[in-house]
Structures are given as structure tokens and as C-alpha cells.
């Protein structure tokens, strides 16, 4: 038996004990809404600090639990702990956000998982809207009627559903169409190299667009830099999760975090107006200092770099509007730096500032779009300030066009999402109507076999049902659904209005005396109206 298998058996045996002895813990990593800037939710993350093996990551722990069927016990422990923490935050006077719990396919296929989930939440006074169920793409391999029903039941109960790690396994548009997901989570492997990795950028945009077209919101995982956050915000991602906003926190830390009302900076929001950021790149410190002194009065956020490579590192971590770079620098020239900047950050406005003309080299760069403008050293203070103002004005016009486009897209997304919710509500309503119709048909059938005359009326005493026993005693000329009961049985209307529910009152039908009583409908169901029962006075005693 190899080491991995042996270690797996050790972990399995000790995990069983850890569940019983509360040796496990949960951390919570908040998500933030890119439209409002406020905390939108948090994901519950399992932690196990083993006394011998050290921290055992979920990637090792969960497969062992699934293989040994401990996943059901483990999953139940996680749900209970999440509910305990939510209850504690409520007691502290906070309004905790929706907490995401990762659900294994094995749990979903358990026949009593939904029942146990509901029982735990109910016992701890936690409502389903406070819990999101995160399901990995692995579940798409197990598609079955049982899982379809589980998803449908979750939605009826009010749980939020999220597809985790989207893009890493079995994702397909058909799956998103089939399952009622509220969120798709873009895996961090597509986020790590944003925005400069063009392939990841294209994939991310495509996932966001595809999900929004289906009325599904998008969360990006593993966001660690401002540049990643801004790229996702500009491309209509709904929420982000990662160290840039908050690291995983234990229950006590999460309580403090929620009480501090953390908010994302306004310039990072989807429709927010960013602050003006200027990047100065020059290998001469005195030039950088002189430019900073000159431009500080214009209230720019100014970043500086001593060379092209340092400039690219700053761009990777910060959103920049305008770049001013010297041309002659060691290792990487200004033109080469700005060419790289254009390729990776095409929305920036790029300016060369140099005392060397090298006209052909710079002209080629301008023609290919790498450089917006060429300025010479020594500079005229007012002229360079005017040129930079013009560059920002040009950038802000482009940003405004993008913002307006984004606003239209956001409105369309909200309409699509609303239409999806309405369609789901309509589908549920239609199913309920079908069930009610079936129940009504069964009740009608049963009442037909009752040997007593029975008549049902609506709230306005209009006849809506007559059983076969009633049809036998009522004159054929008066057998008419939709008429007032007074027309069918003249004594019945006054009797219903004057007699209390359940008390007998006399009526005559074709000269024969009957005793009648009525009962209200709707005590145990949504039906309204009354049911009237007649007994031949000769058989009553």
C-alpha cells in the first residue's frame, strides 16, 4: 500500500474523531457587490489543523471524506456550524449576509439530505434565504431525476444556488440552461493573470456575458489586486471574492468585520467615477520629482516608476488612466514599454516625454497606436499640464461611453434576471394550479359518491358544484351552475345568512322537508366559499 493510500486511511480515521470532538473549524471569506460596494455574502471554508499532519487542505480532506462516506456527517457538521455562527451574529445585532456552503454530489444524492437541511435550519431559526448552496461542476456528471428534484425543491424553499469553479471541468451552456442556478463562480485560475492575460480576459468576458444572458449573476474568485477588481467591474462582473477585499476570517473576526461596515472604494464600482491616476516613468529621480511637484496641484493620483519593468509591475496592480514615459531608459526604452502597456492595458493613454527626437522610431509607434502624443524635454510647465489635461479629457470621454454602454447592459441584465424570476414564479404557479385542479377533480369524484345532497357555493352564494344526490332532488329546471342558491333552493339563501356555521336549519325542496347546514371552506386550503349539506328530515332522527 503506497504512502498516499496509507495517509488517506489515517486521515479518514482521525476525521471521524475530529467531527465528534469539534476539532474542525470554519472560516468565512466575504464577497463584495461591485455595484453597491457592500458585503454581499461569504463562503464558509473548512479548516482542520491536524496535530501531526498540520493543516490539511480541503482538496485532500474532501475526497477522503467522499470516498469513506464521511462526507454526509461532515456536511451536516458544517451546516450546523454555519447556522450557529449566523445565530451568534444575529444576537450581536448584525444582519449577516447569505453564507455559501459547499455541497458534495454525494450529499445531494442522499435521500434525506433536503429533509435534514431543513430540520437543522428550522431548529436554529435560520431562514433559507441566509444560505447559498454551492455545487461544483462535478455534479453535472451525476445528472438524474433525483438531483433535478433536489434542485427544484431547494428553489421552492428559498435557497440560493451557485455553480462553483465554473470553467474547470464539465461546464456547458446546456447545463446552465437546465439547472436553476442563481450564481456562477468564475474559478480563480482564470482571474490570477487578469487583466494582462488576453486569453483569460476573453474567457472571463464570455462567461459573464453568457451567464447574464440567462439571468444568472457572476462571482469571480481569487481577486487579489485592484487591477483585477477594476477589470471585472468594467466588464460587468457582479461580485468578487478574494484577498483584495478580505481574507478568510474565523467566526469572531467575521463578526467584527460585519460590524465595521467595510465598503469597496467608489472608483472600483461598476458605474462609479474613478479618480484620475497618472503614472510617471523615468530613470532619473530628479525628473520624477520635478514632474510630481508640477502636477500635484492638478489633484491627480500620481504613481512613479524608475523604468519600464517597474512600470509594468505597477500597471499590474493599479488602474492607471494616463502614462508619461521617458524614451531613453536602460534595459527597456519608453516606446517598448508603452508598446507592452498598449498590448496589456489598451485603455490607457500613453505619452512619450523625451529630449531625444528619434523621429522615425517614435513616429512608427504613434502610427501603430502605441503612443497618443510625443512631448519634448525640456518642457513648458503650462503646456505639459494642458497636454495632460487633454489626455485625461480624452480618456474620460472614452470611459463615459463605456459607462453608458455598461449602464444599458446592466439594465438589460436586470430585466433578464427579473424575467427569469417571473418565469420561475409562473412555472411554480402553473404547477400549483395543476395540482389544485387534480385535487379538485378527486374531491369532486369523492363527493359524487356521498349519499347525501351536497351543494358548494362561492363567497357570493353562487352555485359552483352539485353532487349526483343533490341533482336527484332538485327540479331539472333549476339545475343550473352559476345561479344563486336562492334560485335553486329558495329557503337555502336566507338559512345560510341567518344561521350560524354548523347549525341545522329547515329547507323545502319540491315539498319535501330537509334539514341543512353549511361549513366554510378555506380553513386548511386556499379555497373559499361554503359547502351546504342536506338531510331528509324523515331520516334525521
Protein backbone atom coordinates (compact mmCIF):
# COMPACT_ATOMS: atom_id res chain seq x y z
CA UNK A 1 0.00 0.00 0.00
CA UNK A 2 1.54 3.34 -1.01
CA UNK A 3 2.06 6.34 1.27
CA UNK A 4 -0.87 8.33 -0.12
CA UNK A 5 -3.30 5.49 0.50
CA UNK A 6 -1.93 4.90 3.99
CA UNK A 7 -2.20 8.61 4.78
CA UNK A 8 -5.72 8.58 3.42
CA UNK A 9 -6.72 5.85 5.86
CA UNK A 10 -5.13 7.80 8.75
CA UNK A 11 -6.97 10.97 7.75
CA UNK A 12 -10.24 9.06 7.43
CA UNK A 13 -9.96 7.51 10.89
CA UNK A 14 -8.97 10.77 12.56
CA UNK A 15 -11.54 12.84 10.65
CA UNK A 16 -14.24 10.69 12.19
CA UNK A 17 -12.88 11.60 15.62
CA UNK A 18 -12.42 15.26 14.65
CA UNK A 19 -16.11 15.59 13.76
CA UNK A 20 -17.10 14.15 17.15
CA UNK A 21 -14.63 16.25 19.15
CA UNK A 22 -15.22 19.58 17.37
CA UNK A 23 -11.60 19.71 16.21
CA UNK A 24 -12.69 21.30 12.94
CA UNK A 25 -13.38 24.98 12.35
CA UNK A 26 -14.90 27.26 9.73
CA UNK A 27 -13.55 30.46 8.22
CA UNK A 28 -15.63 32.86 6.15
CA UNK A 29 -14.42 34.80 3.11
CA UNK A 30 -16.70 37.73 2.27
CA UNK A 31 -17.86 38.61 -1.24
CA UNK A 32 -18.48 42.22 -2.24
CA UNK A 33 -21.05 43.62 -4.65
CA UNK A 34 -19.39 45.57 -7.48
CA UNK A 35 -22.46 47.75 -7.96
CA UNK A 36 -23.03 48.88 -4.36
CA UNK A 37 -19.61 48.26 -2.80
CA UNK A 38 -21.16 46.49 0.21
CA UNK A 39 -20.67 42.96 1.52
CA UNK A 40 -22.98 40.67 -0.45
CA UNK A 41 -22.25 37.30 1.16
CA UNK A 42 -19.49 34.99 2.37
CA UNK A 43 -18.27 31.47 1.65
CA UNK A 44 -17.83 29.00 4.52
CA UNK A 45 -14.38 27.37 4.25
CA UNK A 46 -13.49 24.22 6.22
CA UNK A 47 -10.29 24.27 8.29
CA UNK A 48 -8.59 21.34 10.03
CA UNK A 49 -5.27 21.87 11.78
CA UNK A 50 -4.14 18.28 12.33
CA UNK A 51 -1.77 17.77 15.31
CA UNK A 52 0.56 15.57 13.20
CA UNK A 53 -0.08 16.38 9.53
CA UNK A 54 -0.56 20.12 10.12
CA UNK A 55 -3.16 21.95 8.09
CA UNK A 56 -4.96 19.51 5.81
CA UNK A 57 -6.32 21.38 2.77
CA UNK A 58 -9.91 20.72 1.61
CA UNK A 59 -8.52 19.38 -1.71
CA UNK A 60 -7.10 16.42 0.29
CA UNK A 61 -9.72 16.22 3.01
CA UNK A 62 -12.91 16.25 0.93
CA UNK A 63 -12.01 13.37 -1.45
CA UNK A 64 -11.12 11.21 1.58
CA UNK A 65 -14.45 12.09 3.19
CA UNK A 66 -16.35 11.32 -0.02
CA UNK A 67 -14.58 8.02 -0.53
CA UNK A 68 -15.39 6.88 3.01
CA UNK A 69 -18.96 8.25 3.08
CA UNK A 70 -17.96 10.56 5.94
CA UNK A 71 -18.98 13.45 3.70
CA UNK A 72 -22.59 13.23 4.90
CA UNK A 73 -21.58 13.60 8.57
CA UNK A 74 -19.02 16.25 7.71
CA UNK A 75 -21.52 18.18 5.61
CA UNK A 76 -24.07 18.09 8.41
CA UNK A 77 -21.46 19.40 10.88
CA UNK A 78 -20.67 22.31 8.50
CA UNK A 79 -24.34 23.22 8.09
CA UNK A 80 -24.89 23.19 11.88
CA UNK A 81 -21.80 25.31 12.49
CA UNK A 82 -22.81 27.86 9.85
CA UNK A 83 -26.26 28.13 11.46
CA UNK A 84 -24.69 28.56 14.92
CA UNK A 85 -22.49 31.38 13.64
CA UNK A 86 -25.39 33.08 11.85
CA UNK A 87 -27.42 32.87 15.07
CA UNK A 88 -24.50 34.38 17.02
CA UNK A 89 -24.15 37.27 14.57
CA UNK A 90 -27.90 37.89 14.84
CA UNK A 91 -27.59 38.03 18.64
CA UNK A 92 -24.82 40.60 18.22
CA UNK A 93 -27.32 42.87 16.45
CA UNK A 94 -25.83 42.34 12.98
CA UNK A 95 -27.60 41.49 9.75
CA UNK A 96 -25.43 38.63 8.45
CA UNK A 97 -25.26 38.17 4.67
CA UNK A 98 -26.09 34.98 2.80
CA UNK A 99 -23.50 32.29 3.64
CA UNK A 100 -22.42 29.88 0.91
CA UNK A 101 -21.96 26.22 1.87
CA UNK A 102 -20.19 23.79 -0.46
CA UNK A 103 -22.32 20.72 -1.14
CA UNK A 104 -20.91 17.40 -2.35
CA UNK A 105 -22.66 15.40 -5.11
CA UNK A 106 -22.85 12.52 -2.63
CA UNK A 107 -24.81 14.70 -0.21
CA UNK A 108 -27.20 15.70 -2.98
CA UNK A 109 -27.87 12.08 -3.83
CA UNK A 110 -28.69 11.23 -0.22
CA UNK A 111 -32.43 10.62 0.04
CA UNK A 112 -32.88 12.60 3.26
CA UNK A 113 -30.41 15.47 2.66
CA UNK A 114 -33.10 18.06 1.94
CA UNK A 115 -35.11 16.99 4.98
CA UNK A 116 -32.08 17.14 7.30
CA UNK A 117 -31.02 20.51 5.87
CA UNK A 118 -34.47 21.97 6.54
CA UNK A 119 -34.61 20.47 10.04
CA UNK A 120 -31.24 21.96 11.01
CA UNK A 121 -32.14 25.43 9.75
CA UNK A 122 -35.55 25.34 11.41
CA UNK A 123 -34.12 24.15 14.76
CA UNK A 124 -31.70 27.10 14.78
CA UNK A 125 -34.19 29.70 13.48
CA UNK A 126 -32.19 30.34 10.29
CA UNK A 127 -34.20 31.06 7.13
CA UNK A 128 -33.20 29.55 3.74
CA UNK A 129 -32.51 33.00 2.26
CA UNK A 130 -29.46 33.19 4.55
CA UNK A 131 -27.91 30.09 2.95
CA UNK A 132 -26.49 29.59 -0.52
CA UNK A 133 -25.71 26.08 -1.72
CA UNK A 134 -22.52 25.93 -3.80
CA UNK A 135 -22.28 22.93 -6.08
CA UNK A 136 -19.14 22.07 -8.03
CA UNK A 137 -19.16 21.25 -11.71
CA UNK A 138 -18.64 17.62 -10.75
CA UNK A 139 -22.38 17.40 -10.08
CA UNK A 140 -23.02 17.79 -13.80
CA UNK A 141 -21.70 14.25 -14.24
CA UNK A 142 -24.40 12.89 -11.95
CA UNK A 143 -27.45 14.39 -13.61
CA UNK A 144 -30.53 12.40 -12.65
CA UNK A 145 -34.20 12.83 -11.81
CA UNK A 146 -33.27 12.72 -8.12
CA UNK A 147 -30.84 15.63 -8.44
CA UNK A 148 -33.26 17.57 -10.68
CA UNK A 149 -35.91 17.22 -7.97
CA UNK A 150 -33.44 18.26 -5.27
CA UNK A 151 -32.60 21.45 -7.18
CA UNK A 152 -36.28 22.20 -7.72
CA UNK A 153 -37.04 21.68 -4.01
CA UNK A 154 -34.15 23.93 -2.97
CA UNK A 155 -35.52 26.77 -5.10
CA UNK A 156 -39.05 26.31 -3.74
CA UNK A 157 -37.70 26.57 -0.19
CA UNK A 158 -35.86 29.82 -0.95
CA UNK A 159 -32.22 28.69 -1.10
CA UNK A 160 -29.76 30.39 -3.46
CA UNK A 161 -27.90 28.04 -5.83
CA UNK A 162 -24.38 28.68 -7.17
CA UNK A 163 -22.24 26.70 -9.62
CA UNK A 164 -18.69 26.72 -8.22
CA UNK A 165 -15.35 26.64 -10.08
CA UNK A 166 -17.01 27.35 -13.41
CA UNK A 167 -14.77 26.64 -16.39
CA UNK A 168 -12.55 23.97 -14.84
CA UNK A 169 -14.46 20.80 -15.59
CA UNK A 170 -17.77 19.94 -17.22
CA UNK A 171 -19.21 23.39 -17.90
CA UNK A 172 -21.51 23.84 -20.85
CA UNK A 173 -24.22 26.32 -21.73
CA UNK A 174 -26.75 23.49 -21.78
CA UNK A 175 -26.08 22.79 -18.09
CA UNK A 176 -26.64 26.42 -17.16
CA UNK A 177 -29.92 26.34 -19.08
CA UNK A 178 -31.05 23.13 -17.40
CA UNK A 179 -30.30 23.92 -13.75
CA UNK A 180 -31.84 26.85 -11.82
CA UNK A 181 -28.55 28.46 -10.74
CA UNK A 182 -28.61 31.99 -9.33
CA UNK A 183 -24.84 32.47 -9.48
CA UNK A 184 -21.86 31.20 -11.45
CA UNK A 185 -18.44 31.47 -9.80
CA UNK A 186 -15.51 32.00 -12.17
CA UNK A 187 -12.61 29.87 -11.00
CA UNK A 188 -9.57 31.74 -9.70
CA UNK A 189 -7.36 30.12 -12.36
CA UNK A 190 -8.94 32.50 -14.90
CA UNK A 191 -8.56 35.52 -12.60
CA UNK A 192 -4.94 35.24 -11.44
CA UNK A 193 -3.42 36.73 -14.60
CA UNK A 194 -6.08 39.35 -15.32
CA UNK A 195 -6.09 41.79 -16.97
CA UNK A 196 -2.86 41.28 -18.94
CA UNK A 197 -3.53 37.66 -19.98
CA UNK A 198 -5.64 38.21 -23.09
CA UNK A 199 -6.93 34.62 -23.24
CA UNK A 200 -8.14 34.73 -19.63
CA UNK A 201 -9.65 38.16 -20.25
CA UNK A 202 -11.60 36.86 -23.26
CA UNK A 203 -12.81 33.77 -21.39
CA UNK A 204 -13.91 35.88 -18.40
CA UNK A 205 -15.84 38.32 -20.59
CA UNK A 206 -17.51 35.40 -22.39
CA UNK A 207 -18.58 33.71 -19.13
CA UNK A 208 -20.01 36.97 -17.75
CA UNK A 209 -21.92 37.68 -20.97
CA UNK A 210 -23.23 34.11 -21.26
CA UNK A 211 -24.39 33.97 -17.64
CA UNK A 212 -26.08 37.38 -17.81
CA UNK A 213 -27.94 36.37 -20.98
CA UNK A 214 -29.51 33.58 -18.90
CA UNK A 215 -30.35 35.84 -15.96
CA UNK A 216 -27.53 34.38 -13.82
CA UNK A 217 -25.20 36.59 -11.78
CA UNK A 218 -21.41 36.13 -11.69
CA UNK A 219 -18.90 35.97 -8.82
CA UNK A 220 -15.15 35.99 -9.55
CA UNK A 221 -12.93 34.07 -7.12
CA UNK A 222 -9.30 34.73 -6.21
CA UNK A 223 -9.27 38.51 -6.80
CA UNK A 224 -6.06 39.84 -5.27
CA UNK A 225 -5.27 43.16 -6.98
CA UNK A 226 -7.00 46.44 -7.74
CA UNK A 227 -6.35 45.94 -11.45
CA UNK A 228 -8.18 42.58 -11.38
CA UNK A 229 -11.06 44.14 -9.48
CA UNK A 230 -11.34 47.06 -11.88
CA UNK A 231 -11.22 44.79 -14.94
CA UNK A 232 -14.04 42.66 -13.53
CA UNK A 233 -16.05 45.73 -12.56
CA UNK A 234 -15.63 47.28 -16.03
CA UNK A 235 -16.78 44.01 -17.61
CA UNK A 236 -19.98 43.77 -15.53
CA UNK A 237 -18.99 41.05 -13.05
CA UNK A 238 -21.50 41.21 -10.18
CA UNK A 239 -19.39 40.24 -7.16
CA UNK A 240 -15.78 39.43 -6.30
CA UNK A 241 -14.20 37.22 -3.65
CA UNK A 242 -10.54 37.24 -2.70
CA UNK A 243 -7.76 38.73 -0.60
CA UNK A 244 -8.11 42.13 -2.30
CA UNK A 245 -11.33 42.73 -0.34
CA UNK A 246 -10.99 40.32 2.59
CA UNK A 247 -9.07 37.24 3.65
CA UNK A 248 -10.88 34.24 5.21
CA UNK A 249 -11.94 35.12 8.77
CA UNK A 250 -12.91 32.98 11.72
CA UNK A 251 -16.34 33.49 13.29
CA UNK A 252 -15.19 36.15 15.78
CA UNK A 253 -13.22 38.06 13.12
CA UNK A 254 -16.17 37.86 10.74
CA UNK A 255 -18.42 39.36 13.42
CA UNK A 256 -16.02 42.31 13.82
CA UNK A 257 -15.73 42.67 10.03
CA UNK A 258 -19.51 42.85 9.60
CA UNK A 259 -19.75 45.42 12.38
CA UNK A 260 -17.19 47.66 10.68
CA UNK A 261 -19.28 48.04 7.50
CA UNK A 262 -16.45 47.65 5.00
CA UNK A 263 -17.14 49.27 1.61
CA UNK A 264 -15.27 48.98 -1.68
CA UNK A 265 -13.74 52.23 -3.00
CA UNK A 266 -16.15 54.10 -5.24
CA UNK A 267 -13.78 54.24 -8.22
CA UNK A 268 -13.88 50.41 -8.36
CA UNK A 269 -17.66 50.15 -8.65
CA UNK A 270 -19.39 49.20 -11.89
CA UNK A 271 -20.88 52.62 -12.50
CA UNK A 272 -18.54 54.62 -10.30
CA UNK A 273 -16.40 57.52 -11.46
CA UNK A 274 -12.72 56.65 -10.88
CA UNK A 275 -10.12 59.07 -9.57
CA UNK A 276 -7.61 60.35 -12.11
CA UNK A 277 -4.45 58.22 -11.94
CA UNK A 278 -1.21 59.23 -13.65
CA UNK A 279 1.88 57.00 -13.98
CA UNK A 280 5.26 58.71 -14.47
CA UNK A 281 8.13 56.53 -15.73
CA UNK A 282 11.70 57.87 -15.88
CA UNK A 283 15.11 56.54 -14.82
CA UNK A 284 16.12 59.94 -13.46
CA UNK A 285 14.74 60.57 -9.92
CA UNK A 286 15.07 64.36 -10.24
CA UNK A 287 12.83 64.34 -13.35
CA UNK A 288 10.20 62.30 -11.48
CA UNK A 289 10.37 64.69 -8.52
CA UNK A 290 10.03 67.77 -10.73
CA UNK A 291 7.02 66.33 -12.57
CA UNK A 292 5.34 65.34 -9.30
CA UNK A 293 5.78 68.85 -7.88
CA UNK A 294 4.38 70.38 -11.07
CA UNK A 295 1.37 68.08 -11.43
CA UNK A 296 0.40 67.70 -7.76
CA UNK A 297 -1.65 70.91 -7.95
CA UNK A 298 -3.96 69.25 -10.52
CA UNK A 299 -5.05 66.68 -7.88
CA UNK A 300 -4.03 63.58 -9.78
CA UNK A 301 -3.23 60.35 -8.06
CA UNK A 302 0.42 60.07 -9.12
CA UNK A 303 2.39 56.81 -9.30
CA UNK A 304 6.06 56.66 -10.26
CA UNK A 305 8.42 54.04 -11.67
CA UNK A 306 12.16 54.13 -12.37
CA UNK A 307 11.95 52.02 -15.51
CA UNK A 308 9.76 50.03 -17.89
CA UNK A 309 9.70 46.78 -15.92
CA UNK A 310 8.75 48.58 -12.70
CA UNK A 311 6.06 50.44 -14.66
CA UNK A 312 4.54 47.17 -15.87
CA UNK A 313 4.51 45.86 -12.29
CA UNK A 314 2.62 48.98 -11.16
CA UNK A 315 0.13 48.60 -14.02
CA UNK A 316 -0.49 45.01 -13.00
CA UNK A 317 -1.64 46.11 -9.54
CA UNK A 318 -3.22 49.51 -10.19
CA UNK A 319 -5.73 51.06 -12.53
CA UNK A 320 -3.98 53.82 -14.49
CA UNK A 321 -5.51 56.37 -16.87
CA UNK A 322 -2.53 58.22 -18.35
CA UNK A 323 1.13 57.16 -18.66
CA UNK A 324 4.03 59.57 -19.29
CA UNK A 325 7.29 57.80 -20.04
CA UNK A 326 10.82 58.89 -20.85
CA UNK A 327 12.18 57.41 -24.08
CA UNK A 328 15.85 56.70 -23.31
CA UNK A 329 15.94 54.34 -20.32
CA UNK A 330 18.26 51.35 -19.68
CA UNK A 331 17.01 47.79 -20.37
CA UNK A 332 13.69 48.89 -21.87
CA UNK A 333 13.06 52.04 -23.92
CA UNK A 334 9.98 54.16 -23.42
CA UNK A 335 8.49 53.10 -26.76
CA UNK A 336 8.99 49.42 -25.97
CA UNK A 337 7.45 49.94 -22.54
CA UNK A 338 4.44 51.73 -23.99
CA UNK A 339 4.00 49.06 -26.66
CA UNK A 340 3.76 46.46 -23.87
CA UNK A 341 1.39 48.72 -21.95
CA UNK A 342 -0.85 49.08 -25.02
CA UNK A 343 -0.98 45.32 -25.51
CA UNK A 344 -1.82 44.52 -21.90
CA UNK A 345 -3.70 47.69 -20.88
CA UNK A 346 -5.18 49.12 -24.09
CA UNK A 347 -7.46 51.58 -22.26
CA UNK A 348 -4.51 53.66 -21.00
CA UNK A 349 -3.49 56.94 -22.70
CA UNK A 350 0.26 56.78 -23.41
CA UNK A 351 2.60 59.79 -23.83
CA UNK A 352 6.35 59.92 -24.59
CA UNK A 353 8.38 62.70 -22.95
CA UNK A 354 11.96 62.84 -24.22
CA UNK A 355 14.85 65.14 -25.02
CA UNK A 356 15.89 62.91 -27.92
CA UNK A 357 13.94 63.06 -31.13
CA UNK A 358 14.49 59.64 -32.78
CA UNK A 359 11.64 60.73 -35.01
CA UNK A 360 11.25 57.64 -37.17
CA UNK A 361 11.15 55.26 -34.19
CA UNK A 362 8.63 57.38 -32.31
CA UNK A 363 6.56 58.15 -35.43
CA UNK A 364 6.17 54.42 -36.10
CA UNK A 365 4.96 53.93 -32.53
CA UNK A 366 2.46 56.79 -32.87
CA UNK A 367 1.15 55.39 -36.17
CA UNK A 368 0.59 51.94 -34.70
CA UNK A 369 -1.31 53.45 -31.76
CA UNK A 370 1.22 52.67 -29.02
CA UNK A 371 1.70 56.41 -28.31
CA UNK A 372 -1.01 59.06 -28.01
CA UNK A 373 1.33 62.05 -28.05
CA UNK A 374 5.05 62.96 -28.13
CA UNK A 375 6.29 65.78 -25.84
CA UNK A 376 9.83 67.11 -25.65
CA UNK A 377 12.24 67.94 -22.86
CA UNK A 378 12.80 70.50 -21.52
CA UNK A 379 9.10 71.09 -21.16
CA UNK A 380 6.99 74.16 -20.73
CA UNK A 381 5.09 73.79 -17.42
CA UNK A 382 1.76 75.13 -18.63
CA UNK A 383 1.98 73.31 -21.95
CA UNK A 384 2.64 69.92 -20.35
CA UNK A 385 -0.16 70.50 -17.83
CA UNK A 386 -2.53 71.36 -20.69
CA UNK A 387 -1.49 68.25 -22.65
CA UNK A 388 -2.08 66.03 -19.63
CA UNK A 389 -5.48 67.63 -19.01
CA UNK A 390 -6.34 66.95 -22.64
CA UNK A 391 -5.22 63.32 -22.27
CA UNK A 392 -7.44 62.85 -19.23
CA UNK A 393 -10.34 64.54 -21.03
CA UNK A 394 -9.92 62.13 -23.95
CA UNK A 395 -9.73 59.16 -21.55
CA UNK A 396 -12.82 60.29 -19.66
CA UNK A 397 -14.82 60.62 -22.88
CA UNK A 398 -13.95 57.02 -23.70
CA UNK A 399 -14.77 55.97 -20.12
CA UNK A 400 -18.11 57.78 -20.31
CA UNK A 401 -19.01 55.93 -23.49
CA UNK A 402 -18.10 52.67 -21.79
CA UNK A 403 -20.05 53.70 -18.69
CA UNK A 404 -23.19 54.45 -20.71
CA UNK A 405 -22.82 51.14 -22.52
CA UNK A 406 -22.35 49.42 -19.19
CA UNK A 407 -25.43 51.14 -17.79
CA UNK A 408 -27.52 49.88 -20.70
CA UNK A 409 -26.06 46.39 -20.27
CA UNK A 410 -26.73 46.50 -16.53
CA UNK A 411 -30.35 47.49 -17.11
CA UNK A 412 -30.72 44.71 -19.68
CA UNK A 413 -29.17 42.26 -17.23
CA UNK A 414 -31.60 43.29 -14.50
CA UNK A 415 -34.51 42.86 -16.91
CA UNK A 416 -33.28 39.41 -17.94
CA UNK A 417 -32.86 38.44 -14.28
CA UNK A 418 -36.34 39.75 -13.44
CA UNK A 419 -37.84 37.88 -16.40
CA UNK A 420 -36.12 34.72 -15.21
CA UNK A 421 -37.61 35.13 -11.73
CA UNK A 422 -41.05 35.83 -13.18
CA UNK A 423 -40.77 32.76 -15.42
CA UNK A 424 -39.83 30.63 -12.40
CA UNK A 425 -42.74 32.06 -10.41
CA UNK A 426 -45.11 31.44 -13.32
CA UNK A 427 -43.87 27.88 -13.68
CA UNK A 428 -44.40 27.24 -9.97
CA UNK A 429 -47.85 28.83 -10.17
CA UNK A 430 -48.80 26.67 -13.13
CA UNK A 431 -47.64 23.57 -11.31
CA UNK A 432 -49.67 24.61 -8.27
CA UNK A 433 -52.74 25.21 -10.45
CA UNK A 434 -52.29 21.76 -11.99
CA UNK A 435 -52.04 20.19 -8.54
CA UNK A 436 -55.08 22.13 -7.33
CA UNK A 437 -57.06 21.06 -10.39
CA UNK A 438 -56.10 17.44 -9.77
CA UNK A 439 -57.08 17.73 -6.11
CA UNK A 440 -60.38 19.37 -7.08
CA UNK A 441 -61.15 16.60 -9.55
CA UNK A 442 -60.52 14.00 -6.87
CA UNK A 443 -62.70 15.86 -4.36
CA UNK A 444 -65.49 16.21 -6.93
CA UNK A 445 -65.27 12.50 -7.68
CA UNK A 446 -65.44 11.61 -3.98
CA UNK A 447 -68.41 13.92 -3.34
CA UNK A 448 -70.31 12.31 -6.17
CA UNK A 449 -70.35 9.07 -4.16
CA UNK A 450 -71.56 10.70 -0.92
CA UNK A 451 -75.21 9.56 -0.46
CA UNK A 452 -76.29 12.99 0.85
CA UNK A 453 -77.22 16.03 -1.29
CA UNK A 454 -74.23 18.42 -1.30
CA UNK A 455 -74.04 21.85 -2.93
CA UNK A 456 -70.98 24.14 -2.98
CA UNK A 457 -71.31 27.93 -3.34
CA UNK A 458 -68.75 30.72 -3.67
CA UNK A 459 -68.44 33.81 -1.45
CA UNK A 460 -71.44 35.37 -3.20
CA UNK A 461 -73.63 32.28 -2.73
CA UNK A 462 -73.36 31.32 -6.41
CA UNK A 463 -73.60 27.58 -7.03
CA UNK A 464 -70.34 26.08 -8.28
CA UNK A 465 -70.88 22.36 -7.62
CA UNK A 466 -73.77 19.90 -7.22
CA UNK A 467 -73.30 16.20 -6.48
CA UNK A 468 -75.42 13.47 -8.00
CA UNK A 469 -77.55 13.06 -4.84
CA UNK A 470 -78.49 16.78 -4.99
CA UNK A 471 -79.30 16.53 -8.70
CA UNK A 472 -81.90 13.85 -7.90
CA UNK A 473 -83.96 16.05 -5.57
CA UNK A 474 -83.70 19.47 -7.27
CA UNK A 475 -86.14 20.22 -10.11
CA UNK A 476 -84.37 19.86 -13.51
CA UNK A 477 -85.49 23.36 -14.47
CA UNK A 478 -83.47 24.78 -11.59
CA UNK A 479 -80.32 22.68 -12.06
CA UNK A 480 -78.01 25.39 -13.26
CA UNK A 481 -74.42 26.02 -12.21
CA UNK A 482 -73.69 29.71 -11.75
CA UNK A 483 -77.14 30.59 -10.39
CA UNK A 484 -77.77 31.88 -6.88
CA UNK A 485 -78.58 29.14 -4.36
CA UNK A 486 -81.86 31.01 -3.59
CA UNK A 487 -82.98 30.18 -7.14
CA UNK A 488 -82.15 26.51 -6.77
CA UNK A 489 -83.47 26.14 -3.18
CA UNK A 490 -85.40 29.25 -2.08
CA UNK A 491 -85.07 28.54 1.66
CA UNK A 492 -81.30 27.90 1.49
CA UNK A 493 -80.14 31.50 0.93
CA UNK A 494 -81.88 33.02 3.99
CA UNK A 495 -80.93 29.97 6.04
CA UNK A 496 -77.22 30.38 5.25
CA UNK A 497 -77.30 34.10 6.02
CA UNK A 498 -79.32 33.77 9.25
CA UNK A 499 -77.95 30.51 10.73
CA UNK A 500 -74.50 30.07 12.22
CA UNK A 501 -71.97 27.66 10.73
CA UNK A 502 -72.68 24.04 11.66
CA UNK A 503 -76.25 24.65 12.92
CA UNK A 504 -79.22 22.95 11.26
CA UNK A 505 -81.98 24.93 9.58
CA UNK A 506 -85.08 23.69 7.65
CA UNK A 507 -85.50 23.93 3.87
CA UNK A 508 -88.16 22.60 1.50
CA UNK A 509 -87.30 21.04 -1.86
CA UNK A 510 -90.27 20.11 -4.08
CA UNK A 511 -92.50 19.96 -0.97
CA UNK A 512 -90.17 17.65 0.93
CA UNK A 513 -88.68 18.95 4.23
CA UNK A 514 -84.92 18.73 4.64
CA UNK A 515 -82.54 19.89 7.32
CA UNK A 516 -79.49 21.75 6.08
CA UNK A 517 -76.25 23.08 7.50
CA UNK A 518 -73.25 24.87 5.98
CA UNK A 519 -69.50 24.90 6.53
CA UNK A 520 -66.92 27.47 5.46
CA UNK A 521 -64.23 26.33 3.04
CA UNK A 522 -60.65 27.54 3.33
CA UNK A 523 -59.72 26.52 6.88
CA UNK A 524 -57.00 24.16 5.64
CA UNK A 525 -56.65 25.20 2.00
CA UNK A 526 -56.84 28.24 -0.26
CA UNK A 527 -60.43 27.53 -1.40
CA UNK A 528 -63.13 29.96 -0.27
CA UNK A 529 -66.91 29.72 -0.17
CA UNK A 530 -69.29 27.33 1.59
CA UNK A 531 -70.44 23.75 1.29
CA UNK A 532 -74.14 23.03 2.05
CA UNK A 533 -75.31 19.56 3.10
CA UNK A 534 -78.95 18.41 3.18
CA UNK A 535 -80.51 15.54 5.18
CA UNK A 536 -84.03 14.26 4.59
CA UNK A 537 -85.98 15.20 7.70
CA UNK A 538 -87.53 11.73 7.74
CA UNK A 539 -84.08 10.14 8.21
CA UNK A 540 -82.55 12.63 10.59
CA UNK A 541 -83.95 11.16 13.83
